[in-house]
Amino acid sequence: MRRAMSYVAPWAGVTALAVALSWLGVRDVVRGAVSERSAPPPIAGPVIHSSPAAPPGPPAIGSPTARPKPPDGADRAPTPTKSAKPPPSGRPSKAPPKTPDNVRSYATRGGRAAMSVEKDRVRLVSATPNPGYETRVTQAEGWLRVDFLNEEHTSSVIASWYDHEPMVKVYEY
């Protein structure tokens, strides 16, 4: 027994010393590689509970495009006439802001997500859950994820643009 211990004890000591010296040489490299990585993406974004079943406000009556015709002999709106243009002031006039034509809406079983798809990124415009669903938004460099969740079903809209053109995929599970 004594003879076996005379071999095992020095071997264990030398092995422990070799591991310690190896770690001292490698730890700075490992620490530098880990610190260069960006912070981990957030686990989950804010949770938005489901939207109300009916929008607030008075109920809509009739069709929004239907317009009543005035009865005969009723007053009519004045017709516009051409007037003289005001002299230019030397400053360019501000045009009303143009609504972006790159906003796309994605309907899922759990809700609707609207995203602005640009050349090098995607931004969330809105995420509206259907009744009974909650919304979770997660974003990191190069991707954006919108989840509509309830106890039985999850709908996900995932946009990615890291090192490629922006692309959006919808998943139901």
Protein backbone atom coordinates (compact mmCIF):
# COMPACT_ATOMS: atom_id res chain seq x y z
CA MET A 1 0.00 0.00 0.00
CA ARG A 2 2.81 2.32 0.92
CA ARG A 3 4.52 1.68 -2.35
CA ALA A 4 1.33 2.50 -4.38
CA MET A 5 0.89 5.77 -2.47
CA SER A 6 4.49 6.70 -3.22
CA TYR A 7 3.56 6.72 -6.93
CA VAL A 8 0.04 8.20 -6.73
CA ALA A 9 0.83 11.15 -4.45
CA PRO A 10 3.61 12.66 -6.62
CA TRP A 11 1.54 12.05 -9.78
CA ALA A 12 -1.49 13.87 -8.29
CA GLY A 13 0.72 16.76 -7.12
CA VAL A 14 2.44 17.19 -10.49
CA THR A 15 -0.91 16.97 -12.33
CA ALA A 16 -2.46 19.64 -10.08
CA LEU A 17 0.57 21.89 -10.61
CA ALA A 18 0.37 21.44 -14.40
CA VAL A 19 -3.35 22.32 -14.43
CA ALA A 20 -2.73 25.43 -12.28
CA LEU A 21 0.10 26.66 -14.51
CA SER A 22 -1.94 26.01 -17.65
CA TRP A 23 -4.87 28.00 -16.25
CA LEU A 24 -2.62 30.93 -15.37
CA GLY A 25 -1.39 31.04 -18.96
CA VAL A 26 -4.83 30.68 -20.58
CA ARG A 27 -7.07 32.78 -18.32
CA ASP A 28 -6.11 36.14 -19.85
CA VAL A 29 -6.86 34.87 -23.36
CA VAL A 30 -10.23 33.44 -22.28
CA ARG A 31 -11.14 36.60 -20.35
CA GLY A 32 -10.26 38.79 -23.37
CA ALA A 33 -12.35 36.67 -25.75
CA VAL A 34 -15.36 36.71 -23.44
CA SER A 35 -15.21 40.47 -22.80
CA GLU A 36 -15.08 41.23 -26.57
CA ARG A 37 -18.49 39.68 -27.08
CA SER A 38 -21.40 42.03 -26.79
CA ALA A 39 -23.77 41.79 -23.88
CA PRO A 40 -26.23 38.92 -24.16
CA PRO A 41 -29.59 39.84 -25.73
CA PRO A 42 -32.42 40.48 -23.32
CA ILE A 43 -34.38 37.41 -22.37
CA ALA A 44 -37.69 39.09 -23.02
CA GLY A 45 -39.08 42.53 -23.67
CA PRO A 46 -42.05 44.16 -22.03
CA VAL A 47 -45.25 42.15 -21.78
CA ILE A 48 -48.32 43.90 -23.16
CA HIS A 49 -51.61 42.40 -22.13
CA SER A 50 -54.30 41.80 -24.73
CA SER A 51 -56.13 44.68 -26.30
CA PRO A 52 -59.79 45.28 -25.47
CA ALA A 53 -62.34 43.31 -27.45
CA ALA A 54 -63.95 46.48 -28.82
CA PRO A 55 -62.13 49.75 -29.47
CA PRO A 56 -63.00 52.55 -27.05
CA GLY A 57 -65.30 55.30 -28.21
CA PRO A 58 -68.73 55.44 -29.79
CA PRO A 59 -69.69 52.60 -32.09
CA ALA A 60 -69.42 53.31 -35.79
CA ILE A 61 -72.71 53.83 -37.58
CA GLY A 62 -72.98 53.15 -41.27
CA SER A 63 -70.22 52.86 -43.78
CA PRO A 64 -67.37 55.37 -43.56
CA THR A 65 -67.42 55.83 -47.33
CA ALA A 66 -71.17 56.37 -47.68
CA ARG A 67 -72.10 60.04 -47.84
CA PRO A 68 -75.63 61.33 -47.76
CA LYS A 69 -76.72 63.40 -50.74
CA PRO A 70 -78.12 66.86 -50.00
CA PRO A 71 -81.80 67.30 -50.73
CA ASP A 72 -82.82 69.39 -53.71
CA GLY A 73 -82.60 73.14 -53.10
CA ALA A 74 -80.23 72.69 -50.15
CA ASP A 75 -77.16 74.81 -49.76
CA ARG A 76 -74.08 73.45 -51.42
CA ALA A 77 -70.49 73.96 -50.41
CA PRO A 78 -68.75 76.85 -52.14
CA THR A 79 -66.60 75.92 -55.08
CA PRO A 80 -62.94 76.88 -54.83
CA THR A 81 -61.72 79.73 -56.97
CA LYS A 82 -58.23 80.44 -58.19
CA SER A 83 -56.48 83.11 -56.20
CA ALA A 84 -53.21 84.87 -56.70
CA LYS A 85 -50.23 82.99 -55.34
CA PRO A 86 -48.39 84.70 -52.52
CA PRO A 87 -44.94 85.94 -53.46
CA PRO A 88 -42.15 83.46 -52.68
CA SER A 89 -40.42 84.23 -49.40
CA GLY A 90 -37.08 82.72 -50.40
CA ARG A 91 -37.57 79.74 -48.09
CA PRO A 92 -38.65 76.36 -49.41
CA SER A 93 -42.07 75.38 -48.17
CA LYS A 94 -42.31 72.38 -45.92
CA ALA A 95 -44.17 69.53 -47.50
CA PRO A 96 -46.29 67.39 -45.19
CA PRO A 97 -44.43 64.29 -44.02
CA LYS A 98 -44.82 61.39 -46.39
CA THR A 99 -46.11 58.19 -44.87
CA PRO A 100 -43.49 55.51 -45.30
CA ASP A 101 -44.32 52.91 -47.93
CA ASN A 102 -41.97 50.39 -46.38
CA VAL A 103 -44.25 49.57 -43.41
CA ARG A 104 -45.54 46.03 -43.65
CA SER A 105 -48.17 44.40 -41.48
CA TYR A 106 -48.07 40.74 -40.48
CA ALA A 107 -51.30 39.17 -39.23
CA THR A 108 -51.02 36.09 -37.04
CA ARG A 109 -53.44 34.05 -34.97
CA GLY A 110 -52.26 35.90 -31.85
CA GLY A 111 -52.21 39.46 -33.17
CA ARG A 112 -50.85 41.88 -35.73
CA ALA A 113 -47.30 43.28 -35.97
CA ALA A 114 -46.40 46.24 -38.16
CA MET A 115 -42.73 46.65 -39.06
CA SER A 116 -40.80 49.24 -41.01
CA VAL A 117 -38.49 47.28 -43.31
CA GLU A 118 -35.53 49.38 -44.41
CA LYS A 119 -32.39 48.59 -46.41
CA ASP A 120 -30.22 47.72 -43.43
CA ARG A 121 -32.63 47.20 -40.52
CA VAL A 122 -36.19 46.52 -39.38
CA ARG A 123 -38.04 48.61 -36.78
CA LEU A 124 -41.20 47.73 -34.91
CA VAL A 125 -44.04 50.16 -35.59
CA SER A 126 -46.75 48.46 -33.54
CA ALA A 127 -47.68 45.11 -32.03
CA THR A 128 -51.37 44.61 -31.25
CA PRO A 129 -52.38 41.36 -29.57
CA ASN A 130 -55.77 39.74 -30.17
CA PRO A 131 -58.05 39.26 -27.13
CA GLY A 132 -56.61 36.64 -24.78
CA TYR A 133 -53.02 37.07 -25.99
CA GLU A 134 -50.01 38.91 -24.58
CA THR A 135 -47.19 40.50 -26.55
CA ARG A 136 -43.48 40.03 -25.88
CA VAL A 137 -40.89 41.97 -27.89
CA THR A 138 -37.23 40.93 -27.99
CA GLN A 139 -34.55 42.77 -29.95
CA ALA A 140 -30.80 42.48 -30.38
CA GLU A 141 -28.27 43.46 -33.01
CA GLY A 142 -29.44 42.10 -36.34
CA TRP A 143 -32.84 40.72 -35.34
CA LEU A 144 -36.24 41.56 -33.87
CA ARG A 145 -38.83 39.15 -32.52
CA VAL A 146 -42.48 39.78 -31.62
CA ASP A 147 -44.33 36.97 -29.81
CA PHE A 148 -48.08 36.82 -29.23
CA LEU A 149 -48.64 34.34 -26.39
CA ASN A 150 -51.45 32.65 -24.52
CA GLU A 151 -51.57 29.39 -22.55
CA GLU A 152 -52.18 27.20 -25.62
CA HIS A 153 -50.67 28.98 -28.61
CA THR A 154 -47.76 31.21 -29.62
CA SER A 155 -47.43 33.27 -32.79
CA SER A 156 -44.01 34.71 -33.63
CA VAL A 157 -42.95 37.30 -36.18
CA ILE A 158 -39.17 37.24 -36.52
CA ALA A 159 -37.20 39.76 -38.59
CA SER A 160 -33.49 39.34 -39.21
CA TRP A 161 -31.00 41.45 -41.15
CA TYR A 162 -27.57 40.51 -39.82
CA ASP A 163 -25.17 40.27 -42.80
CA HIS A 164 -28.06 39.95 -45.31
CA GLU A 165 -31.09 41.78 -46.64
CA PRO A 166 -33.93 42.11 -44.12
CA MET A 167 -36.28 39.15 -44.07
CA VAL A 168 -39.38 38.49 -41.97
CA LYS A 169 -40.80 35.08 -41.13
CA VAL A 170 -44.03 34.17 -39.29
CA TYR A 171 -44.28 31.08 -37.11
CA GLU A 172 -47.38 29.55 -35.48
CA TYR A 173 -46.90 26.95 -32.74
